C-alpha atoms as a PDB file:
ATOM      1  CA  UNK A   1       0.000   0.000   0.000  1.00  0.00           C
ATOM      2  CA  UNK A   2       2.804   2.413   0.930  1.00  0.00           C
ATOM      3  CA  UNK A   3       4.426   1.918  -2.492  1.00  0.00           C
ATOM      4  CA  UNK A   4       1.165   2.770  -4.279  1.00  0.00           C
ATOM      5  CA  UNK A   5       0.401   5.808  -2.126  1.00  0.00           C
ATOM      6  CA  UNK A   6       3.168   7.705  -0.362  1.00  0.00           C
ATOM      7  CA  UNK A   7       6.099   6.465  -2.443  1.00  0.00           C
ATOM      8  CA  UNK A   8       4.332   7.285  -5.720  1.00  0.00           C
ATOM      9  CA  UNK A   9       3.335  10.728  -4.411  1.00  0.00           C
ATOM     10  CA  UNK A  10       6.936  11.453  -3.375  1.00  0.00           C
ATOM     11  CA  UNK A  11       8.273  10.239  -6.746  1.00  0.00           C
ATOM     12  CA  UNK A  12       6.158  12.896  -8.505  1.00  0.00           C
ATOM     13  CA  UNK A  13       6.835  15.648  -5.954  1.00  0.00           C
ATOM     14  CA  UNK A  14       3.326  15.569  -4.482  1.00  0.00           C
ATOM     15  CA  UNK A  15       4.440  15.852  -0.880  1.00  0.00           C
ATOM     16  CA  UNK A  16       0.973  16.841   0.369  1.00  0.00           C
ATOM     17  CA  UNK A  17      -0.461  13.384  -0.490  1.00  0.00           C
ATOM     18  CA  UNK A  18      -0.057   9.705   0.214  1.00  0.00           C
ATOM     19  CA  UNK A  19      -0.680   9.707   3.969  1.00  0.00           C
ATOM     20  CA  UNK A  20      -3.860   9.806   6.030  1.00  0.00           C
ATOM     21  CA  UNK A  21      -2.765  12.228   8.745  1.00  0.00           C
ATOM     22  CA  UNK A  22      -4.013  15.658   9.896  1.00  0.00           C
ATOM     23  CA  UNK A  23      -3.012  18.470   7.553  1.00  0.00           C
ATOM     24  CA  UNK A  24      -2.446  16.251   4.509  1.00  0.00           C
ATOM     25  CA  UNK A  25      -4.695  15.888   1.497  1.00  0.00           C
ATOM     26  CA  UNK A  26      -6.960  12.844   1.972  1.00  0.00           C
ATOM     27  CA  UNK A  27      -8.106  11.075  -1.195  1.00  0.00           C
ATOM     28  CA  UNK A  28      -9.776   7.785  -0.232  1.00  0.00           C
ATOM     29  CA  UNK A  29     -11.920   5.067  -1.857  1.00  0.00           C
ATOM     30  CA  UNK A  30     -14.245   2.802   0.101  1.00  0.00           C
ATOM     31  CA  UNK A  31     -14.745  -0.276  -2.108  1.00  0.00           C
ATOM     32  CA  UNK A  32     -17.200  -3.182  -1.810  1.00  0.00           C
ATOM     33  CA  UNK A  33     -15.040  -5.889  -3.384  1.00  0.00           C
ATOM     34  CA  UNK A  34     -18.001  -8.283  -3.649  1.00  0.00           C
ATOM     35  CA  UNK A  35     -19.727  -5.807  -6.015  1.00  0.00           C
ATOM     36  CA  UNK A  36     -16.645  -4.440  -7.799  1.00  0.00           C
ATOM     37  CA  UNK A  37     -17.165  -4.561 -11.583  1.00  0.00           C
ATOM     38  CA  UNK A  38     -16.479  -2.463 -14.661  1.00  0.00           C
ATOM     39  CA  UNK A  39     -18.613  -1.769 -17.710  1.00  0.00           C
ATOM     40  CA  UNK A  40     -17.321  -1.614 -21.279  1.00  0.00           C
ATOM     41  CA  UNK A  41     -15.121   1.364 -22.170  1.00  0.00           C
ATOM     42  CA  UNK A  42     -16.545   4.028 -24.481  1.00  0.00           C
ATOM     43  CA  UNK A  43     -15.363   7.270 -26.038  1.00  0.00           C
ATOM     44  CA  UNK A  44     -16.825  10.664 -25.182  1.00  0.00           C
ATOM     45  CA  UNK A  45     -15.934  14.060 -26.629  1.00  0.00           C
ATOM     46  CA  UNK A  46     -16.229  16.366 -23.635  1.00  0.00           C
ATOM     47  CA  UNK A  47     -12.767  17.894 -23.380  1.00  0.00           C
ATOM     48  CA  UNK A  48     -11.818  21.348 -24.699  1.00  0.00           C
ATOM     49  CA  UNK A  49     -12.012  21.565 -28.501  1.00  0.00           C
ATOM     50  CA  UNK A  50     -14.310  18.510 -28.386  1.00  0.00           C
ATOM     51  CA  UNK A  51     -11.288  16.245 -27.875  1.00  0.00           C
ATOM     52  CA  UNK A  52     -12.041  12.580 -27.146  1.00  0.00           C
ATOM     53  CA  UNK A  53     -11.359  10.603 -24.000  1.00  0.00           C
ATOM     54  CA  UNK A  54     -12.152   7.058 -22.896  1.00  0.00           C
ATOM     55  CA  UNK A  55     -14.558   6.548 -19.963  1.00  0.00           C
ATOM     56  CA  UNK A  56     -15.659   3.406 -18.165  1.00  0.00           C
ATOM     57  CA  UNK A  57     -18.407   2.968 -15.537  1.00  0.00           C
ATOM     58  CA  UNK A  58     -17.579   1.121 -12.352  1.00  0.00           C
ATOM     59  CA  UNK A  59     -19.726  -0.364  -9.623  1.00  0.00           C
ATOM     60  CA  UNK A  60     -18.787  -1.308  -6.100  1.00  0.00           C
ATOM     61  CA  UNK A  61     -17.509   2.126  -5.051  1.00  0.00           C
ATOM     62  CA  UNK A  62     -19.366   2.848  -1.807  1.00  0.00           C
ATOM     63  CA  UNK A  63     -17.690   6.241  -1.401  1.00  0.00           C
ATOM     64  CA  UNK A  64     -14.831   8.336  -2.737  1.00  0.00           C
ATOM     65  CA  UNK A  65     -13.447  11.322  -0.850  1.00  0.00           C
ATOM     66  CA  UNK A  66     -11.149  13.927  -2.425  1.00  0.00           C
ATOM     67  CA  UNK A  67      -9.476  16.323  -0.003  1.00  0.00           C
ATOM     68  CA  UNK A  68     -12.027  15.217   2.593  1.00  0.00           C
ATOM     69  CA  UNK A  69     -15.065  15.970   0.364  1.00  0.00           C
ATOM     70  CA  UNK A  70     -17.287  13.103  -0.811  1.00  0.00           C
ATOM     71  CA  UNK A  71     -17.340  12.956  -4.621  1.00  0.00           C
ATOM     72  CA  UNK A  72     -18.917   9.502  -5.119  1.00  0.00           C
ATOM     73  CA  UNK A  73     -21.769   7.903  -3.135  1.00  0.00           C
ATOM     74  CA  UNK A  74     -22.881   4.364  -4.049  1.00  0.00           C
ATOM     75  CA  UNK A  75     -21.420   4.461  -7.584  1.00  0.00           C
ATOM     76  CA  UNK A  76     -22.881   7.892  -8.417  1.00  0.00           C
ATOM     77  CA  UNK A  77     -21.039  11.205  -8.598  1.00  0.00           C
ATOM     78  CA  UNK A  78     -22.188  13.741  -5.996  1.00  0.00           C
ATOM     79  CA  UNK A  79     -21.382  16.790  -8.132  1.00  0.00           C
ATOM     80  CA  UNK A  80     -18.678  17.995  -5.739  1.00  0.00           C
ATOM     81  CA  UNK A  81     -15.411  18.884  -7.501  1.00  0.00           C
ATOM     82  CA  UNK A  82     -12.864  19.732  -4.784  1.00  0.00           C
ATOM     83  CA  UNK A  83      -9.808  18.907  -6.909  1.00  0.00           C
ATOM     84  CA  UNK A  84      -7.723  21.297  -8.985  1.00  0.00           C
ATOM     85  CA  UNK A  85      -5.082  21.177 -11.672  1.00  0.00           C
ATOM     86  CA  UNK A  86      -1.669  20.276 -10.227  1.00  0.00           C
ATOM     87  CA  UNK A  87       1.196  22.299 -11.675  1.00  0.00           C
ATOM     88  CA  UNK A  88       4.512  20.905 -10.495  1.00  0.00           C
ATOM     89  CA  UNK A  89       5.623  19.644  -7.097  1.00  0.00           C
ATOM     90  CA  UNK A  90       3.412  20.318  -4.069  1.00  0.00           C
ATOM     91  CA  UNK A  91       4.778  21.085  -0.618  1.00  0.00           C
ATOM     92  CA  UNK A  92       3.661  19.735   2.721  1.00  0.00           C
ATOM     93  CA  UNK A  93       1.031  22.039   4.276  1.00  0.00           C
ATOM     94  CA  UNK A  94       2.256  24.087   7.221  1.00  0.00           C
END
């Protein structure tokens, strides 16, 4: 787990991620592994200049939290968008 979270964050200079401790960014998934499944991939054109991207529905995600804000509840997006574009290395919050 540490290799997939903190070590990867450090490799890319994202020092405010990868740990669940006070003051750090908390991005978490709560997964029901008995229900975990993925639908077929499909293309959508919803990026700037109508550029394409591949999307795929998933089920079994009980909840997803980004920076402490719930963004997914029982496989459905909540509409909350607490993330932002990351430009370069991030420092540890003071």
